[in-house]
Amino acid sequence: MATFEFINPSSSAYFTYETVRNEIGFYDSASLKAASGSLTAISNVPEGGLIQSDYIWSTVVPHGTSSVEFTASLTIPTGSVYFRGTGEFNVTITI
């Protein structure tokens, strides 16, 4: 389980947790399903502001403090996911 805590001092922002794609930029049957699992303990994320598939999950990062707990359904090897964000915010990840 990992807790993602966001602090957004400004306006709208967005965070994405994504599985690294294959050499041609896609997910295929051999791709790790690094985003499969459960998103729980969701705090201050607007309804409909969180999406998830087996390869990616994303959340709106509203003004102020918000958080999400992610429990992966498998072991995530180092270097198999990356994080992207838009807008101005800080994220702290606690494992």
C-alpha atoms as a PDB file:
ATOM      1  CA  MET A   1       0.000   0.000   0.000  1.00  0.00           C
ATOM      2  CA  ALA A   2       1.169   3.518  -0.787  1.00  0.00           C
ATOM      3  CA  THR A   3      -0.430   6.784   0.251  1.00  0.00           C
ATOM      4  CA  PHE A   4      -0.245   9.650  -2.220  1.00  0.00           C
ATOM      5  CA  GLU A   5      -0.776  12.985  -0.459  1.00  0.00           C
ATOM      6  CA  PHE A   6      -1.194  16.082  -2.606  1.00  0.00           C
ATOM      7  CA  ILE A   7      -0.879  19.731  -1.622  1.00  0.00           C
ATOM      8  CA  ASN A   8      -2.127  22.145  -4.259  1.00  0.00           C
ATOM      9  CA  PRO A   9      -1.606  25.839  -3.415  1.00  0.00           C
ATOM     10  CA  SER A  10      -3.149  27.127  -6.630  1.00  0.00           C
ATOM     11  CA  SER A  11      -5.903  26.054  -8.989  1.00  0.00           C
ATOM     12  CA  SER A  12      -6.614  22.920 -11.001  1.00  0.00           C
ATOM     13  CA  ALA A  13      -4.034  20.161 -11.293  1.00  0.00           C
ATOM     14  CA  TYR A  14      -3.926  16.502 -12.292  1.00  0.00           C
ATOM     15  CA  PHE A  15      -1.744  13.511 -11.295  1.00  0.00           C
ATOM     16  CA  THR A  16      -1.184  10.305 -13.290  1.00  0.00           C
ATOM     17  CA  TYR A  17       0.392   6.993 -12.214  1.00  0.00           C
ATOM     18  CA  GLU A  18       1.193   5.046 -15.382  1.00  0.00           C
ATOM     19  CA  THR A  19       2.761   1.750 -16.390  1.00  0.00           C
ATOM     20  CA  VAL A  20       5.776   2.115 -18.678  1.00  0.00           C
ATOM     21  CA  ARG A  21       4.670   1.314 -22.239  1.00  0.00           C
ATOM     22  CA  ASN A  22       6.329  -1.163 -24.597  1.00  0.00           C
ATOM     23  CA  GLU A  23       8.994  -0.186 -27.163  1.00  0.00           C
ATOM     24  CA  ILE A  24       6.384   1.054 -29.659  1.00  0.00           C
ATOM     25  CA  GLY A  25       4.444   3.087 -27.086  1.00  0.00           C
ATOM     26  CA  PHE A  26       1.507   0.784 -26.348  1.00  0.00           C
ATOM     27  CA  TYR A  27       0.271  -1.733 -23.793  1.00  0.00           C
ATOM     28  CA  ASP A  28       0.044  -5.309 -25.034  1.00  0.00           C
ATOM     29  CA  SER A  29      -0.584  -8.749 -23.532  1.00  0.00           C
ATOM     30  CA  ALA A  30       2.959  -8.778 -22.105  1.00  0.00           C
ATOM     31  CA  SER A  31       2.603  -5.366 -20.395  1.00  0.00           C
ATOM     32  CA  LEU A  32       2.688  -5.248 -16.603  1.00  0.00           C
ATOM     33  CA  LYS A  33      -0.694  -4.322 -15.135  1.00  0.00           C
ATOM     34  CA  ALA A  34       0.974  -2.006 -12.628  1.00  0.00           C
ATOM     35  CA  ALA A  35      -2.135   0.062 -11.886  1.00  0.00           C
ATOM     36  CA  SER A  36      -4.388  -2.880 -11.103  1.00  0.00           C
ATOM     37  CA  GLY A  37      -5.409  -2.862  -7.468  1.00  0.00           C
ATOM     38  CA  SER A  38      -7.562  -0.784  -5.171  1.00  0.00           C
ATOM     39  CA  LEU A  39      -7.814   2.956  -4.630  1.00  0.00           C
ATOM     40  CA  THR A  40      -9.126   3.607  -1.119  1.00  0.00           C
ATOM     41  CA  ALA A  41      -9.078   6.194   1.674  1.00  0.00           C
ATOM     42  CA  ILE A  42      -9.845   8.862  -0.910  1.00  0.00           C
ATOM     43  CA  SER A  43      -9.851  12.268   0.749  1.00  0.00           C
ATOM     44  CA  ASN A  44     -10.922  15.590  -0.795  1.00  0.00           C
ATOM     45  CA  VAL A  45     -11.018  14.264  -4.373  1.00  0.00           C
ATOM     46  CA  PRO A  46     -14.211  15.363  -6.136  1.00  0.00           C
ATOM     47  CA  GLU A  47     -16.686  12.686  -7.191  1.00  0.00           C
ATOM     48  CA  GLY A  48     -15.770  11.521 -10.683  1.00  0.00           C
ATOM     49  CA  GLY A  49     -12.259  12.952 -10.274  1.00  0.00           C
ATOM     50  CA  LEU A  50     -10.504   9.575 -10.208  1.00  0.00           C
ATOM     51  CA  ILE A  51     -10.106   7.084 -13.070  1.00  0.00           C
ATOM     52  CA  GLN A  52      -8.411   3.688 -13.187  1.00  0.00           C
ATOM     53  CA  SER A  53      -7.531   0.881 -15.573  1.00  0.00           C
ATOM     54  CA  ASP A  54      -5.034  -1.971 -15.223  1.00  0.00           C
ATOM     55  CA  TYR A  55      -2.284   0.246 -16.661  1.00  0.00           C
ATOM     56  CA  ILE A  56      -3.034   3.749 -15.399  1.00  0.00           C
ATOM     57  CA  TRP A  57      -4.827   5.666 -12.692  1.00  0.00           C
ATOM     58  CA  SER A  58      -5.278   9.410 -12.518  1.00  0.00           C
ATOM     59  CA  THR A  59      -6.807  11.885 -10.145  1.00  0.00           C
ATOM     60  CA  VAL A  60      -7.841  15.496 -10.091  1.00  0.00           C
ATOM     61  CA  VAL A  61      -5.720  17.365  -7.531  1.00  0.00           C
ATOM     62  CA  PRO A  62      -8.030  20.012  -6.086  1.00  0.00           C
ATOM     63  CA  HIS A  63      -6.929  23.158  -4.278  1.00  0.00           C
ATOM     64  CA  GLY A  64      -5.744  22.332  -0.762  1.00  0.00           C
ATOM     65  CA  THR A  65      -4.774  18.929   0.593  1.00  0.00           C
ATOM     66  CA  SER A  66      -6.052  15.634  -0.794  1.00  0.00           C
ATOM     67  CA  SER A  67      -4.934  12.008  -0.702  1.00  0.00           C
ATOM     68  CA  VAL A  68      -5.440   8.540  -2.163  1.00  0.00           C
ATOM     69  CA  GLU A  69      -4.233   5.127  -0.992  1.00  0.00           C
ATOM     70  CA  PHE A  70      -3.234   2.683  -3.716  1.00  0.00           C
ATOM     71  CA  THR A  71      -2.800  -1.013  -2.986  1.00  0.00           C
ATOM     72  CA  ALA A  72      -1.385  -2.793  -6.022  1.00  0.00           C
ATOM     73  CA  SER A  73      -2.609  -6.292  -6.822  1.00  0.00           C
ATOM     74  CA  LEU A  74       0.953  -7.367  -7.696  1.00  0.00           C
ATOM     75  CA  THR A  75       4.539  -6.459  -6.877  1.00  0.00           C
ATOM     76  CA  ILE A  76       5.641  -3.395  -8.849  1.00  0.00           C
ATOM     77  CA  PRO A  77       9.289  -3.654  -9.958  1.00  0.00           C
ATOM     78  CA  THR A  78      11.466  -0.560  -9.821  1.00  0.00           C
ATOM     79  CA  GLY A  79      11.340   1.421 -13.050  1.00  0.00           C
ATOM     80  CA  SER A  80       8.043  -0.042 -14.257  1.00  0.00           C
ATOM     81  CA  VAL A  81       5.852   3.011 -13.586  1.00  0.00           C
ATOM     82  CA  TYR A  82       6.188   6.729 -13.925  1.00  0.00           C
ATOM     83  CA  PHE A  83       4.335   9.704 -12.506  1.00  0.00           C
ATOM     84  CA  ARG A  84       3.127  12.708 -14.451  1.00  0.00           C
ATOM     85  CA  GLY A  85       1.441  15.862 -13.320  1.00  0.00           C
ATOM     86  CA  THR A  86      -0.036  19.056 -14.631  1.00  0.00           C
ATOM     87  CA  GLY A  87      -0.471  22.222 -12.642  1.00  0.00           C
ATOM     88  CA  GLU A  88       1.279  23.323  -9.477  1.00  0.00           C
ATOM     89  CA  PHE A  89       1.244  20.804  -6.600  1.00  0.00           C
ATOM     90  CA  ASN A  90       3.466  18.746  -4.335  1.00  0.00           C
ATOM     91  CA  VAL A  91       3.046  15.018  -3.850  1.00  0.00           C
ATOM     92  CA  THR A  92       4.389  12.960  -0.965  1.00  0.00           C
ATOM     93  CA  ILE A  93       4.333   9.182  -1.342  1.00  0.00           C
ATOM     94  CA  THR A  94       4.439   7.089   1.816  1.00  0.00           C
ATOM     95  CA  ILE A  95       4.951   3.352   1.522  1.00  0.00           C
END
